[in-house]
Amino acid sequence: MPDSSSGPRFEIEVEAFGSTSVVTVIGDIDMTTTESFRSAIESALTASPTALVVDFTEVGFLGTSAMTVLVSAHDRVGEETSILVVANKPATRRPFELAGLTDVLSVHSTRTSAVESAQGSGPGTD
């Protein structure tokens, strides 16, 4: 779903693969796009998936507000839903490392790794 602002490209897609929901983000997540991101996470969690994969492969900037959305979602769903993040470049992976969130959220370098882990056939973090 494209963001309605006239700024840089920002899109979010929510897909379901069995009991795994995947949220794919394209563009920067900052104060102007956080609410769209939060809405997509909420939409994905409505189906009560066993896992939520959030793919930041096409994200150039990841603000702390995005991490706050994910931590809040993690706290709310508890053990019912695993939250896995695809962060494959310094702009997306480093913020999770600096904030110590790699101990809370499963962070992966590829979407395939995250989905396989979510479906129980792969490693926890790569």
PDB file of N, CA and C in Angstrom:
ATOM      1  N   MET A   1       0.842  -1.166   0.000  1.00  0.00           N
ATOM      2  CA  MET A   1       0.000   0.000   0.000  1.00  0.00           C
ATOM      3  C   MET A   1       0.889   1.232   0.000  1.00  0.00           C
ATOM      4  N   PRO A   2       0.845   2.051  -1.029  1.00  0.00           N
ATOM      5  CA  PRO A   2       1.659   3.241  -1.088  1.00  0.00           C
ATOM      6  C   PRO A   2       1.237   4.262  -0.045  1.00  0.00           C
ATOM      7  N   ASP A   3       2.204   5.009   0.453  1.00  0.00           N
ATOM      8  CA  ASP A   3       1.933   6.083   1.395  1.00  0.00           C
ATOM      9  C   ASP A   3       1.328   7.241   0.610  1.00  0.00           C
ATOM     10  N   SER A   4       0.417   7.983   1.202  1.00  0.00           N
ATOM     11  CA  SER A   4      -0.279   9.031   0.483  1.00  0.00           C
ATOM     12  C   SER A   4       0.517  10.327   0.393  1.00  0.00           C
ATOM     13  N   SER A   5       1.644  10.442   1.072  1.00  0.00           N
ATOM     14  CA  SER A   5       2.418  11.673   1.014  1.00  0.00           C
ATOM     15  C   SER A   5       3.079  11.828  -0.349  1.00  0.00           C
ATOM     16  N   SER A   6       3.472  13.047  -0.660  1.00  0.00           N
ATOM     17  CA  SER A   6       4.109  13.299  -1.945  1.00  0.00           C
ATOM     18  C   SER A   6       5.624  13.174  -1.853  1.00  0.00           C
ATOM     19  N   GLY A   7       6.138  12.676  -0.763  1.00  0.00           N
ATOM     20  CA  GLY A   7       7.569  12.528  -0.550  1.00  0.00           C
ATOM     21  C   GLY A   7       8.132  11.324  -1.262  1.00  0.00           C
ATOM     22  N   PRO A   8       9.284  10.868  -0.809  1.00  0.00           N
ATOM     23  CA  PRO A   8       9.947   9.712  -1.426  1.00  0.00           C
ATOM     24  C   PRO A   8       9.055   8.467  -1.386  1.00  0.00           C
ATOM     25  N   ARG A   9       9.370   7.528  -2.242  1.00  0.00           N
ATOM     26  CA  ARG A   9       8.608   6.273  -2.343  1.00  0.00           C
ATOM     27  C   ARG A   9       8.592   5.549  -1.004  1.00  0.00           C
ATOM     28  N   PHE A  10       7.414   5.130  -0.594  1.00  0.00           N
ATOM     29  CA  PHE A  10       7.234   4.338   0.616  1.00  0.00           C
ATOM     30  C   PHE A  10       6.078   3.394   0.373  1.00  0.00           C
ATOM     31  N   GLU A  11       6.346   2.095   0.471  1.00  0.00           N
ATOM     32  CA  GLU A  11       5.305   1.092   0.266  1.00  0.00           C
ATOM     33  C   GLU A  11       5.423  -0.001   1.311  1.00  0.00           C
ATOM     34  N   ILE A  12       4.285  -0.565   1.647  1.00  0.00           N
ATOM     35  CA  ILE A  12       4.237  -1.704   2.562  1.00  0.00           C
ATOM     36  C   ILE A  12       3.301  -2.744   1.966  1.00  0.00           C
ATOM     37  N   GLU A  13       3.746  -3.976   2.002  1.00  0.00           N
ATOM     38  CA  GLU A  13       2.913  -5.080   1.532  1.00  0.00           C
ATOM     39  C   GLU A  13       2.794  -6.095   2.657  1.00  0.00           C
ATOM     40  N   VAL A  14       1.590  -6.583   2.890  1.00  0.00           N
ATOM     41  CA  VAL A  14       1.343  -7.613   3.898  1.00  0.00           C
ATOM     42  C   VAL A  14       0.866  -8.860   3.182  1.00  0.00           C
ATOM     43  N   GLU A  15       1.561  -9.987   3.419  1.00  0.00           N
ATOM     44  CA  GLU A  15       1.221 -11.255   2.783  1.00  0.00           C
ATOM     45  C   GLU A  15       1.120 -12.337   3.851  1.00  0.00           C
ATOM     46  N   ALA A  16       0.395 -13.386   3.538  1.00  0.00           N
ATOM     47  CA  ALA A  16       0.299 -14.532   4.437  1.00  0.00           C
ATOM     48  C   ALA A  16       0.786 -15.775   3.704  1.00  0.00           C
ATOM     49  N   PHE A  17       1.627 -16.534   4.371  1.00  0.00           N
ATOM     50  CA  PHE A  17       2.122 -17.813   3.866  1.00  0.00           C
ATOM     51  C   PHE A  17       1.829 -18.847   4.944  1.00  0.00           C
ATOM     52  N   GLY A  18       0.699 -19.499   4.841  1.00  0.00           N
ATOM     53  CA  GLY A  18       0.294 -20.421   5.890  1.00  0.00           C
ATOM     54  C   GLY A  18       0.068 -19.651   7.184  1.00  0.00           C
ATOM     55  N   SER A  19       0.732 -20.064   8.237  1.00  0.00           N
ATOM     56  CA  SER A  19       0.571 -19.393   9.531  1.00  0.00           C
ATOM     57  C   SER A  19       1.622 -18.307   9.757  1.00  0.00           C
ATOM     58  N   THR A  20       2.334 -17.925   8.692  1.00  0.00           N
ATOM     59  CA  THR A  20       3.335 -16.863   8.775  1.00  0.00           C
ATOM     60  C   THR A  20       2.865 -15.641   8.002  1.00  0.00           C
ATOM     61  N   SER A  21       2.887 -14.494   8.642  1.00  0.00           N
ATOM     62  CA  SER A  21       2.595 -13.229   7.962  1.00  0.00           C
ATOM     63  C   SER A  21       3.921 -12.556   7.638  1.00  0.00           C
ATOM     64  N   VAL A  22       3.991 -11.943   6.453  1.00  0.00           N
ATOM     65  CA  VAL A  22       5.201 -11.241   6.033  1.00  0.00           C
ATOM     66  C   VAL A  22       4.834  -9.805   5.693  1.00  0.00           C
ATOM     67  N   VAL A  23       5.537  -8.865   6.326  1.00  0.00           N
ATOM     68  CA  VAL A  23       5.376  -7.447   6.032  1.00  0.00           C
ATOM     69  C   VAL A  23       6.650  -6.998   5.329  1.00  0.00           C
ATOM     70  N   THR A  24       6.507  -6.531   4.092  1.00  0.00           N
ATOM     71  CA  THR A  24       7.648  -6.052   3.316  1.00  0.00           C
ATOM     72  C   THR A  24       7.557  -4.537   3.212  1.00  0.00           C
ATOM     73  N   VAL A  25       8.658  -3.868   3.555  1.00  0.00           N
ATOM     74  CA  VAL A  25       8.695  -2.411   3.540  1.00  0.00           C
ATOM     75  C   VAL A  25       9.686  -1.949   2.477  1.00  0.00           C
ATOM     76  N   ILE A  26       9.284  -0.948   1.698  1.00  0.00           N
ATOM     77  CA  ILE A  26      10.158  -0.324   0.710  1.00  0.00           C
ATOM     78  C   ILE A  26      10.185   1.170   1.021  1.00  0.00           C
ATOM     79  N   GLY A  27      11.380   1.699   1.234  1.00  0.00           N
ATOM     80  CA  GLY A  27      11.533   3.125   1.538  1.00  0.00           C
ATOM     81  C   GLY A  27      12.026   3.324   2.955  1.00  0.00           C
ATOM     82  N   ASP A  28      12.023   4.560   3.392  1.00  0.00           N
ATOM     83  CA  ASP A  28      12.513   4.900   4.729  1.00  0.00           C
ATOM     84  C   ASP A  28      11.390   4.835   5.751  1.00  0.00           C
ATOM     85  N   ILE A  29      11.743   4.373   6.946  1.00  0.00           N
ATOM     86  CA  ILE A  29      10.778   4.408   8.050  1.00  0.00           C
ATOM     87  C   ILE A  29      11.265   5.477   9.012  1.00  0.00           C
ATOM     88  N   ASP A  30      10.533   6.578   9.009  1.00  0.00           N
ATOM     89  CA  ASP A  30      10.862   7.707   9.871  1.00  0.00           C
ATOM     90  C   ASP A  30       9.568   8.208  10.510  1.00  0.00           C
ATOM     91  N   MET A  31       9.616   9.372  11.084  1.00  0.00           N
ATOM     92  CA  MET A  31       8.433   9.892  11.780  1.00  0.00           C
ATOM     93  C   MET A  31       7.229  10.071  10.845  1.00  0.00           C
ATOM     94  N   THR A  32       7.475  10.291   9.557  1.00  0.00           N
ATOM     95  CA  THR A  32       6.357  10.503   8.629  1.00  0.00           C
ATOM     96  C   THR A  32       5.723   9.198   8.148  1.00  0.00           C
ATOM     97  N   THR A  33       6.421   8.085   8.296  1.00  0.00           N
ATOM     98  CA  THR A  33       5.900   6.808   7.789  1.00  0.00           C
ATOM     99  C   THR A  33       5.635   5.781   8.891  1.00  0.00           C
ATOM    100  N   THR A  34       5.960   6.125  10.116  1.00  0.00           N
ATOM    101  CA  THR A  34       5.805   5.172  11.215  1.00  0.00           C
ATOM    102  C   THR A  34       4.368   4.710  11.396  1.00  0.00           C
ATOM    103  N   GLU A  35       3.407   5.604  11.270  1.00  0.00           N
ATOM    104  CA  GLU A  35       2.012   5.200  11.474  1.00  0.00           C
ATOM    105  C   GLU A  35       1.558   4.202  10.417  1.00  0.00           C
ATOM    106  N   SER A  36       2.001   4.375   9.174  1.00  0.00           N
ATOM    107  CA  SER A  36       1.680   3.397   8.133  1.00  0.00           C
ATOM    108  C   SER A  36       2.311   2.052   8.464  1.00  0.00           C
ATOM    109  N   PHE A  37       3.537   2.086   8.968  1.00  0.00           N
ATOM    110  CA  PHE A  37       4.226   0.860   9.370  1.00  0.00           C
ATOM    111  C   PHE A  37       3.489   0.187  10.525  1.00  0.00           C
ATOM    112  N   ARG A  38       3.115   0.970  11.521  1.00  0.00           N
ATOM    113  CA  ARG A  38       2.381   0.434  12.673  1.00  0.00           C
ATOM    114  C   ARG A  38       1.067  -0.207  12.226  1.00  0.00           C
ATOM    115  N   SER A  39       0.355   0.443  11.326  1.00  0.00           N
ATOM    116  CA  SER A  39      -0.914  -0.099  10.818  1.00  0.00           C
ATOM    117  C   SER A  39      -0.708  -1.425  10.092  1.00  0.00           C
ATOM    118  N   ALA A  40       0.373  -1.520   9.318  1.00  0.00           N
ATOM    119  CA  ALA A  40       0.656  -2.769   8.598  1.00  0.00           C
ATOM    120  C   ALA A  40       0.977  -3.895   9.576  1.00  0.00           C
ATOM    121  N   ILE A  41       1.737  -3.598  10.623  1.00  0.00           N
ATOM    122  CA  ILE A  41       2.059  -4.614  11.638  1.00  0.00           C
ATOM    123  C   ILE A  41       0.774  -5.062  12.323  1.00  0.00           C
ATOM    124  N   GLU A  42      -0.073  -4.120  12.700  1.00  0.00           N
ATOM    125  CA  GLU A  42      -1.344  -4.459  13.339  1.00  0.00           C
ATOM    126  C   GLU A  42      -2.211  -5.310  12.420  1.00  0.00           C
ATOM    127  N   SER A  43      -2.254  -4.950  11.143  1.00  0.00           N
ATOM    128  CA  SER A  43      -3.031  -5.714  10.169  1.00  0.00           C
ATOM    129  C   SER A  43      -2.508  -7.145  10.059  1.00  0.00           C
ATOM    130  N   ALA A  44      -1.203  -7.284  10.000  1.00  0.00           N
ATOM    131  CA  ALA A  44      -0.605  -8.623   9.889  1.00  0.00           C
ATOM    132  C   ALA A  44      -0.888  -9.466  11.122  1.00  0.00           C
ATOM    133  N   LEU A  45      -0.902  -8.839  12.288  1.00  0.00           N
ATOM    134  CA  LEU A  45      -1.125  -9.580  13.534  1.00  0.00           C
ATOM    135  C   LEU A  45      -2.595  -9.919  13.770  1.00  0.00           C
ATOM    136  N   THR A  46      -3.493  -9.283  13.041  1.00  0.00           N
ATOM    137  CA  THR A  46      -4.925  -9.554  13.179  1.00  0.00           C
ATOM    138  C   THR A  46      -5.253 -11.014  12.903  1.00  0.00           C
ATOM    139  N   ALA A  47      -4.496 -11.627  12.001  1.00  0.00           N
ATOM    140  CA  ALA A  47      -4.734 -13.026  11.637  1.00  0.00           C
ATOM    141  C   ALA A  47      -4.168 -14.004  12.668  1.00  0.00           C
ATOM    142  N   SER A  48      -3.579 -13.493  13.744  1.00  0.00           N
ATOM    143  CA  SER A  48      -2.956 -14.330  14.779  1.00  0.00           C
ATOM    144  C   SER A  48      -1.973 -15.346  14.206  1.00  0.00           C
ATOM    145  N   PRO A  49      -0.984 -14.866  13.435  1.00  0.00           N
ATOM    146  CA  PRO A  49      -0.007 -15.798  12.860  1.00  0.00           C
ATOM    147  C   PRO A  49       0.896 -16.379  13.940  1.00  0.00           C
ATOM    148  N   THR A  50       1.514 -17.511  13.658  1.00  0.00           N
ATOM    149  CA  THR A  50       2.493 -18.063  14.598  1.00  0.00           C
ATOM    150  C   THR A  50       3.819 -17.327  14.465  1.00  0.00           C
ATOM    151  N   ALA A  51       4.026 -16.688  13.292  1.00  0.00           N
ATOM    152  CA  ALA A  51       5.242 -15.905  13.081  1.00  0.00           C
ATOM    153  C   ALA A  51       4.936 -14.691  12.213  1.00  0.00           C
ATOM    154  N   LEU A  52       5.666 -13.617  12.494  1.00  0.00           N
ATOM    155  CA  LEU A  52       5.593 -12.398  11.702  1.00  0.00           C
ATOM    156  C   LEU A  52       7.002 -12.088  11.222  1.00  0.00           C
ATOM    157  N   VAL A  53       7.187 -12.068   9.897  1.00  0.00           N
ATOM    158  CA  VAL A  53       8.475 -11.711   9.307  1.00  0.00           C
ATOM    159  C   VAL A  53       8.340 -10.287   8.788  1.00  0.00           C
ATOM    160  N   VAL A  54       9.270  -9.426   9.196  1.00  0.00           N
ATOM    161  CA  VAL A  54       9.285  -8.040   8.746  1.00  0.00           C
ATOM    162  C   VAL A  54      10.538  -7.857   7.893  1.00  0.00           C
ATOM    163  N   ASP A  55      10.334  -7.621   6.609  1.00  0.00           N
ATOM    164  CA  ASP A  55      11.428  -7.559   5.640  1.00  0.00           C
ATOM    165  C   ASP A  55      11.820  -6.111   5.365  1.00  0.00           C
ATOM    166  N   PHE A  56      13.020  -5.743   5.849  1.00  0.00           N
ATOM    167  CA  PHE A  56      13.567  -4.405   5.656  1.00  0.00           C
ATOM    168  C   PHE A  56      14.624  -4.372   4.546  1.00  0.00           C
ATOM    169  N   THR A  57      14.635  -5.360   3.646  1.00  0.00           N
ATOM    170  CA  THR A  57      15.641  -5.439   2.591  1.00  0.00           C
ATOM    171  C   THR A  57      15.707  -4.159   1.761  1.00  0.00           C
ATOM    172  N   GLU A  58      14.574  -3.553   1.481  1.00  0.00           N
ATOM    173  CA  GLU A  58      14.523  -2.345   0.639  1.00  0.00           C
ATOM    174  C   GLU A  58      14.351  -1.068   1.454  1.00  0.00           C
ATOM    175  N   VAL A  59      14.768  -1.092   2.720  1.00  0.00           N
ATOM    176  CA  VAL A  59      14.681   0.088   3.579  1.00  0.00           C
ATOM    177  C   VAL A  59      16.050   0.754   3.631  1.00  0.00           C
ATOM    178  N   GLY A  60      16.077   2.060   3.379  1.00  0.00           N
ATOM    179  CA  GLY A  60      17.332   2.803   3.405  1.00  0.00           C
ATOM    180  C   GLY A  60      17.603   3.468   4.740  1.00  0.00           C
ATOM    181  N   PHE A  61      16.549   3.795   5.482  1.00  0.00           N
ATOM    182  CA  PHE A  61      16.683   4.414   6.794  1.00  0.00           C
ATOM    183  C   PHE A  61      15.676   3.787   7.729  1.00  0.00           C
ATOM    184  N   LEU A  62      16.143   3.402   8.906  1.00  0.00           N
ATOM    185  CA  LEU A  62      15.280   2.768   9.902  1.00  0.00           C
ATOM    186  C   LEU A  62      15.337   3.591  11.180  1.00  0.00           C
ATOM    187  N   GLY A  63      14.292   4.362  11.418  1.00  0.00           N
ATOM    188  CA  GLY A  63      14.240   5.187  12.616  1.00  0.00           C
ATOM    189  C   GLY A  63      13.912   4.368  13.854  1.00  0.00           C
ATOM    190  N   THR A  64      14.212   4.936  14.999  1.00  0.00           N
ATOM    191  CA  THR A  64      13.942   4.238  16.258  1.00  0.00           C
ATOM    192  C   THR A  64      12.452   3.991  16.451  1.00  0.00           C
ATOM    193  N   SER A  65      11.634   4.806  15.812  1.00  0.00           N
ATOM    194  CA  SER A  65      10.181   4.613  15.941  1.00  0.00           C
ATOM    195  C   SER A  65       9.757   3.258  15.380  1.00  0.00           C
ATOM    196  N   ALA A  66      10.426   2.794  14.333  1.00  0.00           N
ATOM    197  CA  ALA A  66      10.103   1.476  13.760  1.00  0.00           C
ATOM    198  C   ALA A  66      10.459   0.372  14.736  1.00  0.00           C
ATOM    199  N   MET A  67      11.594   0.526  15.402  1.00  0.00           N
ATOM    200  CA  MET A  67      11.992  -0.482  16.383  1.00  0.00           C
ATOM    201  C   MET A  67      11.029  -0.477  17.565  1.00  0.00           C
ATOM    202  N   THR A  68      10.549   0.690  17.939  1.00  0.00           N
ATOM    203  CA  THR A  68       9.572   0.788  19.026  1.00  0.00           C
ATOM    204  C   THR A  68       8.288   0.054  18.656  1.00  0.00           C
ATOM    205  N   VAL A  69       7.851   0.190  17.402  1.00  0.00           N
ATOM    206  CA  VAL A  69       6.656  -0.523  16.927  1.00  0.00           C
ATOM    207  C   VAL A  69       6.858  -2.028  17.072  1.00  0.00           C
ATOM    208  N   LEU A  70       8.022  -2.519  16.661  1.00  0.00           N
ATOM    209  CA  LEU A  70       8.282  -3.961  16.724  1.00  0.00           C
ATOM    210  C   LEU A  70       8.390  -4.467  18.160  1.00  0.00           C
ATOM    211  N   VAL A  71       9.045  -3.714  19.021  1.00  0.00           N
ATOM    212  CA  VAL A  71       9.160  -4.133  20.426  1.00  0.00           C
ATOM    213  C   VAL A  71       7.788  -4.138  21.088  1.00  0.00           C
ATOM    214  N   SER A  72       6.969  -3.147  20.791  1.00  0.00           N
ATOM    215  CA  SER A  72       5.603  -3.107  21.342  1.00  0.00           C
ATOM    216  C   SER A  72       4.789  -4.305  20.866  1.00  0.00           C
ATOM    217  N   ALA A  73       4.926  -4.628  19.580  1.00  0.00           N
ATOM    218  CA  ALA A  73       4.221  -5.795  19.035  1.00  0.00           C
ATOM    219  C   ALA A  73       4.722  -7.064  19.703  1.00  0.00           C
ATOM    220  N   HIS A  74       6.027  -7.182  19.875  1.00  0.00           N
ATOM    221  CA  HIS A  74       6.624  -8.358  20.531  1.00  0.00           C
ATOM    222  C   HIS A  74       6.095  -8.496  21.958  1.00  0.00           C
ATOM    223  N   ASP A  75       6.069  -7.398  22.684  1.00  0.00           N
ATOM    224  CA  ASP A  75       5.571  -7.432  24.066  1.00  0.00           C
ATOM    225  C   ASP A  75       4.104  -7.834  24.119  1.00  0.00           C
ATOM    226  N   ARG A  76       3.323  -7.370  23.155  1.00  0.00           N
ATOM    227  CA  ARG A  76       1.889  -7.656  23.153  1.00  0.00           C
ATOM    228  C   ARG A  76       1.591  -9.114  22.792  1.00  0.00           C
ATOM    229  N   VAL A  77       2.287  -9.660  21.791  1.00  0.00           N
ATOM    230  CA  VAL A  77       1.971 -11.022  21.353  1.00  0.00           C
ATOM    231  C   VAL A  77       2.667 -12.085  22.186  1.00  0.00           C
ATOM    232  N   GLY A  78       3.719 -11.708  22.889  1.00  0.00           N
ATOM    233  CA  GLY A  78       4.413 -12.654  23.758  1.00  0.00           C
ATOM    234  C   GLY A  78       4.886 -13.883  23.027  1.00  0.00           C
ATOM    235  N   GLU A  79       4.626 -15.037  23.610  1.00  0.00           N
ATOM    236  CA  GLU A  79       5.083 -16.304  23.046  1.00  0.00           C
ATOM    237  C   GLU A  79       4.191 -16.813  21.913  1.00  0.00           C
ATOM    238  N   GLU A  80       3.043 -16.178  21.714  1.00  0.00           N
ATOM    239  CA  GLU A  80       2.090 -16.645  20.701  1.00  0.00           C
ATOM    240  C   GLU A  80       2.585 -16.451  19.274  1.00  0.00           C
ATOM    241  N   THR A  81       3.350 -15.381  19.034  1.00  0.00           N
ATOM    242  CA  THR A  81       3.829 -15.065  17.687  1.00  0.00           C
ATOM    243  C   THR A  81       5.296 -14.684  17.743  1.00  0.00           C
ATOM    244  N   SER A  82       6.120 -15.388  16.974  1.00  0.00           N
ATOM    245  CA  SER A  82       7.537 -15.017  16.857  1.00  0.00           C
ATOM    246  C   SER A  82       7.651 -13.866  15.879  1.00  0.00           C
ATOM    247  N   ILE A  83       8.496 -12.895  16.202  1.00  0.00           N
ATOM    248  CA  ILE A  83       8.740 -11.792  15.286  1.00  0.00           C
ATOM    249  C   ILE A  83      10.172 -11.907  14.784  1.00  0.00           C
ATOM    250  N   LEU A  84      10.298 -12.015  13.462  1.00  0.00           N
ATOM    251  CA  LEU A  84      11.589 -12.156  12.811  1.00  0.00           C
ATOM    252  C   LEU A  84      11.800 -10.969  11.882  1.00  0.00           C
ATOM    253  N   VAL A  85      13.011 -10.462  11.847  1.00  0.00           N
ATOM    254  CA  VAL A  85      13.334  -9.271  11.076  1.00  0.00           C
ATOM    255  C   VAL A  85      14.380  -9.621  10.023  1.00  0.00           C
ATOM    256  N   VAL A  86      14.180  -9.128   8.800  1.00  0.00           N
ATOM    257  CA  VAL A  86      15.196  -9.239   7.753  1.00  0.00           C
ATOM    258  C   VAL A  86      15.872  -7.878   7.661  1.00  0.00           C
ATOM    259  N   ALA A  87      17.125  -7.827   8.092  1.00  0.00           N
ATOM    260  CA  ALA A  87      17.915  -6.598   8.077  1.00  0.00           C
ATOM    261  C   ALA A  87      19.290  -6.959   7.538  1.00  0.00           C
ATOM    262  N   ASN A  88      19.525  -6.640   6.270  1.00  0.00           N
ATOM    263  CA  ASN A  88      20.720  -7.143   5.602  1.00  0.00           C
ATOM    264  C   ASN A  88      21.770  -6.092   5.264  1.00  0.00           C
ATOM    265  N   LYS A  89      21.599  -4.885   5.746  1.00  0.00           N
ATOM    266  CA  LYS A  89      22.610  -3.865   5.504  1.00  0.00           C
ATOM    267  C   LYS A  89      22.795  -3.027   6.764  1.00  0.00           C
ATOM    268  N   PRO A  90      23.909  -2.333   6.859  1.00  0.00           N
ATOM    269  CA  PRO A  90      24.189  -1.579   8.089  1.00  0.00           C
ATOM    270  C   PRO A  90      23.079  -0.612   8.499  1.00  0.00           C
ATOM    271  N   ALA A  91      22.422   0.022   7.547  1.00  0.00           N
ATOM    272  CA  ALA A  91      21.376   0.998   7.872  1.00  0.00           C
ATOM    273  C   ALA A  91      20.187   0.365   8.587  1.00  0.00           C
ATOM    274  N   THR A  92      19.998  -0.931   8.400  1.00  0.00           N
ATOM    275  CA  THR A  92      18.881  -1.598   9.056  1.00  0.00           C
ATOM    276  C   THR A  92      19.327  -2.543  10.160  1.00  0.00           C
ATOM    277  N   ARG A  93      20.408  -3.252   9.960  1.00  0.00           N
ATOM    278  CA  ARG A  93      20.856  -4.229  10.960  1.00  0.00           C
ATOM    279  C   ARG A  93      21.511  -3.562  12.171  1.00  0.00           C
ATOM    280  N   ARG A  94      22.347  -2.563  11.916  1.00  0.00           N
ATOM    281  CA  ARG A  94      23.111  -1.927  12.995  1.00  0.00           C
ATOM    282  C   ARG A  94      22.224  -1.332  14.093  1.00  0.00           C
ATOM    283  N   PRO A  95      21.131  -0.664  13.764  1.00  0.00           N
ATOM    284  CA  PRO A  95      20.272  -0.142  14.839  1.00  0.00           C
ATOM    285  C   PRO A  95      19.765  -1.235  15.796  1.00  0.00           C
ATOM    286  N   PHE A  96      19.437  -2.408  15.265  1.00  0.00           N
ATOM    287  CA  PHE A  96      18.992  -3.514  16.122  1.00  0.00           C
ATOM    288  C   PHE A  96      20.128  -3.980  17.028  1.00  0.00           C
ATOM    289  N   GLU A  97      21.338  -4.047  16.481  1.00  0.00           N
ATOM    290  CA  GLU A  97      22.502  -4.463  17.269  1.00  0.00           C
ATOM    291  C   GLU A  97      22.815  -3.447  18.360  1.00  0.00           C
ATOM    292  N   LEU A  98      22.832  -2.161  17.997  1.00  0.00           N
ATOM    293  CA  LEU A  98      23.157  -1.110  18.970  1.00  0.00           C
ATOM    294  C   LEU A  98      22.142  -1.034  20.105  1.00  0.00           C
ATOM    295  N   ALA A  99      20.883  -1.277  19.766  1.00  0.00           N
ATOM    296  CA  ALA A  99      19.821  -1.217  20.780  1.00  0.00           C
ATOM    297  C   ALA A  99      19.707  -2.507  21.585  1.00  0.00           C
ATOM    298  N   GLY A 100      20.494  -3.519  21.234  1.00  0.00           N
ATOM    299  CA  GLY A 100      20.426  -4.794  21.943  1.00  0.00           C
ATOM    300  C   GLY A 100      19.188  -5.607  21.602  1.00  0.00           C
ATOM    301  N   LEU A 101      18.558  -5.284  20.492  1.00  0.00           N
ATOM    302  CA  LEU A 101      17.310  -5.969  20.138  1.00  0.00           C
ATOM    303  C   LEU A 101      17.524  -7.298  19.438  1.00  0.00           C
ATOM    304  N   THR A 102      18.760  -7.623  19.084  1.00  0.00           N
ATOM    305  CA  THR A 102      19.012  -8.930  18.489  1.00  0.00           C
ATOM    306  C   THR A 102      18.847 -10.028  19.532  1.00  0.00           C
ATOM    307  N   ASP A 103      18.790  -9.643  20.806  1.00  0.00           N
ATOM    308  CA  ASP A 103      18.509 -10.592  21.879  1.00  0.00           C
ATOM    309  C   ASP A 103      17.008 -10.796  22.063  1.00  0.00           C
ATOM    310  N   VAL A 104      16.215  -9.859  21.531  1.00  0.00           N
ATOM    311  CA  VAL A 104      14.762  -9.899  21.696  1.00  0.00           C
ATOM    312  C   VAL A 104      14.072 -10.400  20.426  1.00  0.00           C
ATOM    313  N   LEU A 105      14.537  -9.910  19.286  1.00  0.00           N
ATOM    314  CA  LEU A 105      13.953 -10.259  17.993  1.00  0.00           C
ATOM    315  C   LEU A 105      14.952 -11.089  17.197  1.00  0.00           C
ATOM    316  N   SER A 106      14.465 -12.022  16.435  1.00  0.00           N
ATOM    317  CA  SER A 106      15.313 -12.857  15.593  1.00  0.00           C
ATOM    318  C   SER A 106      15.638 -12.072  14.315  1.00  0.00           C
ATOM    319  N   VAL A 107      16.918 -11.712  14.127  1.00  0.00           N
ATOM    320  CA  VAL A 107      17.328 -10.891  12.993  1.00  0.00           C
ATOM    321  C   VAL A 107      18.056 -11.755  11.967  1.00  0.00           C
ATOM    322  N   HIS A 108      17.624 -11.654  10.711  1.00  0.00           N
ATOM    323  CA  HIS A 108      18.157 -12.475   9.623  1.00  0.00           C
ATOM    324  C   HIS A 108      18.690 -11.608   8.499  1.00  0.00           C
ATOM    325  N   SER A 109      19.605 -12.189   7.716  1.00  0.00           N
ATOM    326  CA  SER A 109      20.184 -11.486   6.567  1.00  0.00           C
ATOM    327  C   SER A 109      19.359 -11.645   5.303  1.00  0.00           C
ATOM    328  N   THR A 110      18.535 -12.693   5.241  1.00  0.00           N
ATOM    329  CA  THR A 110      17.725 -12.915   4.043  1.00  0.00           C
ATOM    330  C   THR A 110      16.280 -13.241   4.431  1.00  0.00           C
ATOM    331  N   ARG A 111      15.398 -12.928   3.521  1.00  0.00           N
ATOM    332  CA  ARG A 111      13.980 -13.251   3.714  1.00  0.00           C
ATOM    333  C   ARG A 111      13.792 -14.760   3.774  1.00  0.00           C
ATOM    334  N   THR A 112      14.503 -15.488   2.918  1.00  0.00           N
ATOM    335  CA  THR A 112      14.393 -16.943   2.899  1.00  0.00           C
ATOM    336  C   THR A 112      14.755 -17.524   4.258  1.00  0.00           C
ATOM    337  N   SER A 113      15.848 -17.058   4.834  1.00  0.00           N
ATOM    338  CA  SER A 113      16.280 -17.541   6.149  1.00  0.00           C
ATOM    339  C   SER A 113      15.224 -17.263   7.211  1.00  0.00           C
ATOM    340  N   ALA A 114      14.661 -16.070   7.180  1.00  0.00           N
ATOM    341  CA  ALA A 114      13.656 -15.700   8.176  1.00  0.00           C
ATOM    342  C   ALA A 114      12.394 -16.550   8.030  1.00  0.00           C
ATOM    343  N   VAL A 115      11.922 -16.719   6.792  1.00  0.00           N
ATOM    344  CA  VAL A 115      10.704 -17.511   6.564  1.00  0.00           C
ATOM    345  C   VAL A 115      10.934 -18.968   6.944  1.00  0.00           C
ATOM    346  N   GLU A 116      12.097 -19.521   6.570  1.00  0.00           N
ATOM    347  CA  GLU A 116      12.395 -20.910   6.937  1.00  0.00           C
ATOM    348  C   GLU A 116      12.464 -21.067   8.451  1.00  0.00           C
ATOM    349  N   SER A 117      13.072 -20.113   9.119  1.00  0.00           N
ATOM    350  CA  SER A 117      13.139 -20.160  10.580  1.00  0.00           C
ATOM    351  C   SER A 117      11.741 -20.053  11.185  1.00  0.00           C
ATOM    352  N   ALA A 118      10.920 -19.178  10.613  1.00  0.00           N
ATOM    353  CA  ALA A 118       9.550 -18.998  11.102  1.00  0.00           C
ATOM    354  C   ALA A 118       8.740 -20.273  10.956  1.00  0.00           C
ATOM    355  N   GLN A 119       9.029 -21.021   9.907  1.00  0.00           N
ATOM    356  CA  GLN A 119       8.294 -22.246   9.644  1.00  0.00           C
ATOM    357  C   GLN A 119       8.973 -23.462  10.261  1.00  0.00           C
ATOM    358  N   GLY A 120       9.998 -23.209  11.097  1.00  0.00           N
ATOM    359  CA  GLY A 120      10.618 -24.274  11.859  1.00  0.00           C
ATOM    360  C   GLY A 120      11.656 -25.096  11.143  1.00  0.00           C
ATOM    361  N   SER A 121      12.172 -24.597  10.002  1.00  0.00           N
ATOM    362  CA  SER A 121      13.163 -25.410   9.295  1.00  0.00           C
ATOM    363  C   SER A 121      14.503 -24.719   9.121  1.00  0.00           C
ATOM    364  N   GLY A 122      14.730 -23.663   9.910  1.00  0.00           N
ATOM    365  CA  GLY A 122      15.983 -22.947   9.749  1.00  0.00           C
ATOM    366  C   GLY A 122      16.523 -22.468  11.069  1.00  0.00           C
ATOM    367  N   PRO A 123      17.700 -21.796  11.042  1.00  0.00           N
ATOM    368  CA  PRO A 123      18.332 -21.303  12.258  1.00  0.00           C
ATOM    369  C   PRO A 123      17.575 -20.129  12.849  1.00  0.00           C
ATOM    370  N   GLY A 124      17.848 -19.832  14.119  1.00  0.00           N
ATOM    371  CA  GLY A 124      17.162 -18.742  14.807  1.00  0.00           C
ATOM    372  C   GLY A 124      17.611 -17.371  14.384  1.00  0.00           C
ATOM    373  N   THR A 125      18.889 -17.155  14.175  1.00  0.00           N
ATOM    374  CA  THR A 125      19.413 -15.850  13.781  1.00  0.00           C
ATOM    375  C   THR A 125      20.620 -16.077  12.902  1.00  0.00           C
ATOM    376  N   ASP A 126      20.744 -15.233  11.861  1.00  0.00           N
ATOM    377  CA  ASP A 126      21.948 -15.323  11.036  1.00  0.00           C
ATOM    378  C   ASP A 126      22.556 -13.963  10.818  1.00  0.00           C
TER     379      ASP A 126
END
